[in-house]
Amino acid sequence: MKEGIHPKYHEVEARCACGATWKTRSTKPELHLEICSNCHPFFTGRQKLIDTEGRVERFTKKFGAQTSESRKKAAKIKKETPAAAR
């Protein structure tokens, strides 16, 4: 290996937004993470919406919070009303 071309390898404490910390090694002096294995939905089994720009709220405002129950009810009402009344 050539001398002087490799970055320094630090022992750092990684911090997640959920508050979890652990020791690791990195070329960066500090590690701040948004999501880790303690809070990631794949590992926890819980669904967590990560919405930093308000996209989910804009979507629900525009299209409403639709569920399968409300769609079935709307389809049933549409089917029961006569075509002339629509």
N, C-alpha and C. Protein backbone atom coordinates (compact mmCIF):
# COMPACT_ATOMS: atom_id res chain seq x y z
N MET A 1 0.84 -1.19 0.00
CA MET A 1 0.00 0.00 0.00
C MET A 1 0.88 1.24 0.00
N LYS A 2 0.43 2.24 -0.72
CA LYS A 2 1.18 3.49 -0.77
C LYS A 2 0.98 4.27 0.51
N GLU A 3 2.00 4.95 0.94
CA GLU A 3 1.93 5.76 2.14
C GLU A 3 1.29 7.11 1.83
N GLY A 4 0.49 7.64 2.75
CA GLY A 4 -0.04 8.99 2.67
C GLY A 4 -1.25 9.19 1.77
N ILE A 5 -1.81 8.14 1.16
CA ILE A 5 -2.98 8.34 0.30
C ILE A 5 -4.28 7.82 0.94
N HIS A 6 -4.17 7.11 2.03
CA HIS A 6 -5.35 6.53 2.67
C HIS A 6 -5.88 7.46 3.76
N PRO A 7 -7.22 7.57 3.89
CA PRO A 7 -7.78 8.43 4.94
C PRO A 7 -7.57 7.82 6.32
N LYS A 8 -7.63 8.67 7.33
CA LYS A 8 -7.49 8.19 8.71
C LYS A 8 -8.75 7.40 9.07
N TYR A 9 -8.55 6.36 9.84
CA TYR A 9 -9.63 5.45 10.23
C TYR A 9 -9.88 5.64 11.71
N HIS A 10 -10.99 6.30 12.08
CA HIS A 10 -11.29 6.67 13.46
C HIS A 10 -12.22 5.65 14.11
N GLU A 11 -12.10 5.53 15.43
CA GLU A 11 -13.10 4.79 16.20
C GLU A 11 -14.13 5.82 16.64
N VAL A 12 -15.39 5.65 16.19
CA VAL A 12 -16.44 6.64 16.44
C VAL A 12 -17.63 6.01 17.12
N GLU A 13 -18.48 6.86 17.66
CA GLU A 13 -19.74 6.42 18.23
C GLU A 13 -20.85 6.87 17.28
N ALA A 14 -21.54 5.91 16.66
CA ALA A 14 -22.63 6.21 15.73
C ALA A 14 -23.89 6.50 16.54
N ARG A 15 -24.62 7.54 16.15
CA ARG A 15 -25.85 7.94 16.84
C ARG A 15 -27.00 7.96 15.85
N CYS A 16 -28.10 7.34 16.24
CA CYS A 16 -29.31 7.32 15.42
C CYS A 16 -30.28 8.38 15.93
N ALA A 17 -31.23 8.77 15.10
CA ALA A 17 -32.24 9.74 15.51
C ALA A 17 -33.14 9.20 16.62
N CYS A 18 -33.25 7.87 16.72
CA CYS A 18 -34.09 7.27 17.77
C CYS A 18 -33.38 7.27 19.12
N GLY A 19 -32.08 7.58 19.15
CA GLY A 19 -31.35 7.64 20.41
C GLY A 19 -30.38 6.49 20.61
N ALA A 20 -30.40 5.51 19.75
CA ALA A 20 -29.48 4.37 19.88
C ALA A 20 -28.06 4.80 19.52
N THR A 21 -27.09 4.29 20.25
CA THR A 21 -25.68 4.58 19.96
C THR A 21 -24.90 3.28 20.00
N TRP A 22 -23.81 3.20 19.24
CA TRP A 22 -22.92 2.06 19.24
C TRP A 22 -21.56 2.49 18.71
N LYS A 23 -20.56 1.72 19.06
CA LYS A 23 -19.18 2.03 18.64
C LYS A 23 -18.90 1.29 17.33
N THR A 24 -18.22 1.99 16.44
CA THR A 24 -17.80 1.42 15.17
C THR A 24 -16.57 2.16 14.69
N ARG A 25 -16.09 1.83 13.51
CA ARG A 25 -14.94 2.53 12.94
C ARG A 25 -15.36 3.13 11.61
N SER A 26 -14.82 4.32 11.31
CA SER A 26 -15.20 5.02 10.10
C SER A 26 -14.10 5.99 9.69
N THR A 27 -14.14 6.41 8.43
CA THR A 27 -13.21 7.44 7.97
C THR A 27 -13.72 8.82 8.32
N LYS A 28 -14.98 8.92 8.73
CA LYS A 28 -15.53 10.21 9.17
C LYS A 28 -15.42 10.29 10.69
N PRO A 29 -15.19 11.47 11.23
CA PRO A 29 -15.02 11.58 12.69
C PRO A 29 -16.33 11.41 13.47
N GLU A 30 -17.50 11.66 12.85
CA GLU A 30 -18.79 11.51 13.53
C GLU A 30 -19.78 10.85 12.58
N LEU A 31 -20.68 10.03 13.13
CA LEU A 31 -21.75 9.41 12.34
C LEU A 31 -23.09 9.72 12.99
N HIS A 32 -23.97 10.40 12.28
CA HIS A 32 -25.33 10.68 12.73
C HIS A 32 -26.28 10.07 11.70
N LEU A 33 -27.09 9.12 12.12
CA LEU A 33 -27.97 8.39 11.22
C LEU A 33 -29.43 8.73 11.46
N GLU A 34 -30.26 8.61 10.43
CA GLU A 34 -31.70 8.85 10.57
C GLU A 34 -32.43 7.59 11.02
N ILE A 35 -31.94 6.43 10.60
CA ILE A 35 -32.63 5.18 10.90
C ILE A 35 -31.60 4.08 11.10
N CYS A 36 -31.87 3.19 12.05
CA CYS A 36 -30.94 2.09 12.34
C CYS A 36 -31.74 0.80 12.51
N SER A 37 -31.07 -0.26 12.89
CA SER A 37 -31.76 -1.55 13.04
C SER A 37 -32.69 -1.56 14.25
N ASN A 38 -32.53 -0.63 15.19
CA ASN A 38 -33.44 -0.57 16.34
C ASN A 38 -34.78 0.07 15.99
N CYS A 39 -34.80 0.91 14.95
CA CYS A 39 -36.05 1.61 14.62
C CYS A 39 -36.52 1.36 13.19
N HIS A 40 -35.80 0.57 12.39
CA HIS A 40 -36.20 0.30 11.02
C HIS A 40 -37.38 -0.67 11.01
N PRO A 41 -38.42 -0.40 10.19
CA PRO A 41 -39.62 -1.26 10.18
C PRO A 41 -39.33 -2.72 9.83
N PHE A 42 -38.33 -2.99 9.01
CA PHE A 42 -38.02 -4.37 8.65
C PHE A 42 -37.59 -5.16 9.88
N PHE A 43 -36.82 -4.56 10.76
CA PHE A 43 -36.30 -5.27 11.93
C PHE A 43 -37.28 -5.24 13.11
N THR A 44 -38.08 -4.18 13.23
CA THR A 44 -38.98 -4.06 14.37
C THR A 44 -40.34 -4.70 14.12
N GLY A 45 -40.76 -4.80 12.86
CA GLY A 45 -42.08 -5.35 12.55
C GLY A 45 -43.17 -4.32 12.64
N ARG A 46 -42.85 -3.08 12.97
CA ARG A 46 -43.83 -2.00 13.05
C ARG A 46 -43.65 -1.10 11.83
N GLN A 47 -44.77 -0.58 11.34
CA GLN A 47 -44.66 0.35 10.23
C GLN A 47 -44.54 1.75 10.78
N LYS A 48 -43.60 2.50 10.23
CA LYS A 48 -43.35 3.86 10.68
C LYS A 48 -43.19 4.71 9.43
N LEU A 49 -44.06 5.70 9.27
CA LEU A 49 -43.97 6.57 8.10
C LEU A 49 -42.92 7.64 8.35
N ILE A 50 -41.95 7.69 7.49
CA ILE A 50 -40.91 8.70 7.58
C ILE A 50 -41.25 9.75 6.54
N ASP A 51 -41.76 10.88 7.00
CA ASP A 51 -42.26 11.90 6.10
C ASP A 51 -41.62 13.23 6.48
N THR A 52 -40.57 13.58 5.77
CA THR A 52 -39.86 14.81 6.11
C THR A 52 -40.39 16.01 5.36
N GLU A 53 -41.06 15.81 4.24
CA GLU A 53 -41.51 16.94 3.44
C GLU A 53 -43.02 17.07 3.39
N GLY A 54 -43.76 16.33 4.20
CA GLY A 54 -45.21 16.46 4.24
C GLY A 54 -45.91 15.80 3.06
N ARG A 55 -45.28 14.86 2.40
CA ARG A 55 -45.87 14.22 1.22
C ARG A 55 -47.08 13.38 1.58
N VAL A 56 -47.01 12.66 2.69
CA VAL A 56 -48.13 11.81 3.09
C VAL A 56 -49.33 12.68 3.43
N GLU A 57 -49.12 13.77 4.15
CA GLU A 57 -50.23 14.65 4.51
C GLU A 57 -50.86 15.29 3.28
N ARG A 58 -50.03 15.71 2.32
CA ARG A 58 -50.57 16.29 1.08
C ARG A 58 -51.37 15.26 0.30
N PHE A 59 -50.91 14.02 0.28
CA PHE A 59 -51.63 12.96 -0.43
C PHE A 59 -52.98 12.70 0.22
N THR A 60 -53.00 12.58 1.56
CA THR A 60 -54.28 12.30 2.23
C THR A 60 -55.22 13.49 2.13
N LYS A 61 -54.69 14.70 2.09
CA LYS A 61 -55.54 15.88 1.91
C LYS A 61 -56.16 15.88 0.51
N LYS A 62 -55.37 15.52 -0.48
CA LYS A 62 -55.83 15.55 -1.87
C LYS A 62 -56.80 14.41 -2.17
N PHE A 63 -56.47 13.21 -1.74
CA PHE A 63 -57.27 12.04 -2.08
C PHE A 63 -58.08 11.49 -0.92
N GLY A 64 -57.86 11.97 0.27
CA GLY A 64 -58.59 11.48 1.44
C GLY A 64 -58.00 10.17 1.92
N ALA A 65 -58.26 9.86 3.15
CA ALA A 65 -57.79 8.60 3.72
C ALA A 65 -58.77 7.51 3.33
N GLN A 66 -58.49 6.83 2.25
CA GLN A 66 -59.39 5.80 1.75
C GLN A 66 -59.00 4.46 2.34
N THR A 67 -60.01 3.71 2.74
CA THR A 67 -59.79 2.36 3.22
C THR A 67 -60.57 1.43 2.31
N SER A 68 -60.31 0.15 2.43
CA SER A 68 -61.02 -0.81 1.60
C SER A 68 -62.51 -0.81 1.95
N GLU A 69 -62.82 -0.55 3.22
CA GLU A 69 -64.22 -0.50 3.64
C GLU A 69 -64.96 0.65 2.96
N SER A 70 -64.33 1.83 2.93
CA SER A 70 -65.01 2.99 2.33
C SER A 70 -65.14 2.81 0.82
N ARG A 71 -64.18 2.18 0.17
CA ARG A 71 -64.29 1.93 -1.27
C ARG A 71 -65.41 0.95 -1.57
N LYS A 72 -65.55 -0.11 -0.76
CA LYS A 72 -66.63 -1.08 -0.95
C LYS A 72 -67.98 -0.43 -0.76
N LYS A 73 -68.08 0.43 0.26
CA LYS A 73 -69.34 1.11 0.54
C LYS A 73 -69.71 2.05 -0.62
N ALA A 74 -68.75 2.78 -1.16
CA ALA A 74 -69.00 3.69 -2.27
C ALA A 74 -69.40 2.92 -3.53
N ALA A 75 -68.77 1.78 -3.77
CA ALA A 75 -69.11 0.96 -4.94
C ALA A 75 -70.51 0.39 -4.80
N LYS A 76 -70.90 0.01 -3.58
CA LYS A 76 -72.23 -0.54 -3.34
C LYS A 76 -73.29 0.52 -3.57
N ILE A 77 -73.05 1.73 -3.07
CA ILE A 77 -74.00 2.83 -3.27
C ILE A 77 -74.13 3.17 -4.75
N LYS A 78 -73.03 3.21 -5.46
CA LYS A 78 -73.05 3.50 -6.89
C LYS A 78 -73.80 2.42 -7.65
N LYS A 79 -73.66 1.18 -7.26
CA LYS A 79 -74.33 0.06 -7.92
C LYS A 79 -75.83 0.08 -7.66
N GLU A 80 -76.24 0.49 -6.45
CA GLU A 80 -77.65 0.47 -6.08
C GLU A 80 -78.46 1.63 -6.69
N THR A 81 -77.81 2.76 -6.94
CA THR A 81 -78.55 3.91 -7.48
C THR A 81 -78.81 3.67 -8.98
N PRO A 82 -79.99 4.01 -9.45
CA PRO A 82 -80.29 3.82 -10.87
C PRO A 82 -79.47 4.77 -11.73
N ALA A 83 -79.25 4.38 -12.98
CA ALA A 83 -78.41 5.16 -13.88
C ALA A 83 -79.06 6.51 -14.19
N ALA A 84 -80.38 6.59 -14.22
CA ALA A 84 -81.07 7.85 -14.51
C ALA A 84 -80.89 8.86 -13.38
N ALA A 85 -80.74 8.38 -12.15
CA ALA A 85 -80.59 9.27 -10.99
C ALA A 85 -79.19 9.86 -10.92
N ARG A 86 -78.25 9.20 -11.54
CA ARG A 86 -76.87 9.70 -11.49
C ARG A 86 -76.74 10.82 -12.39
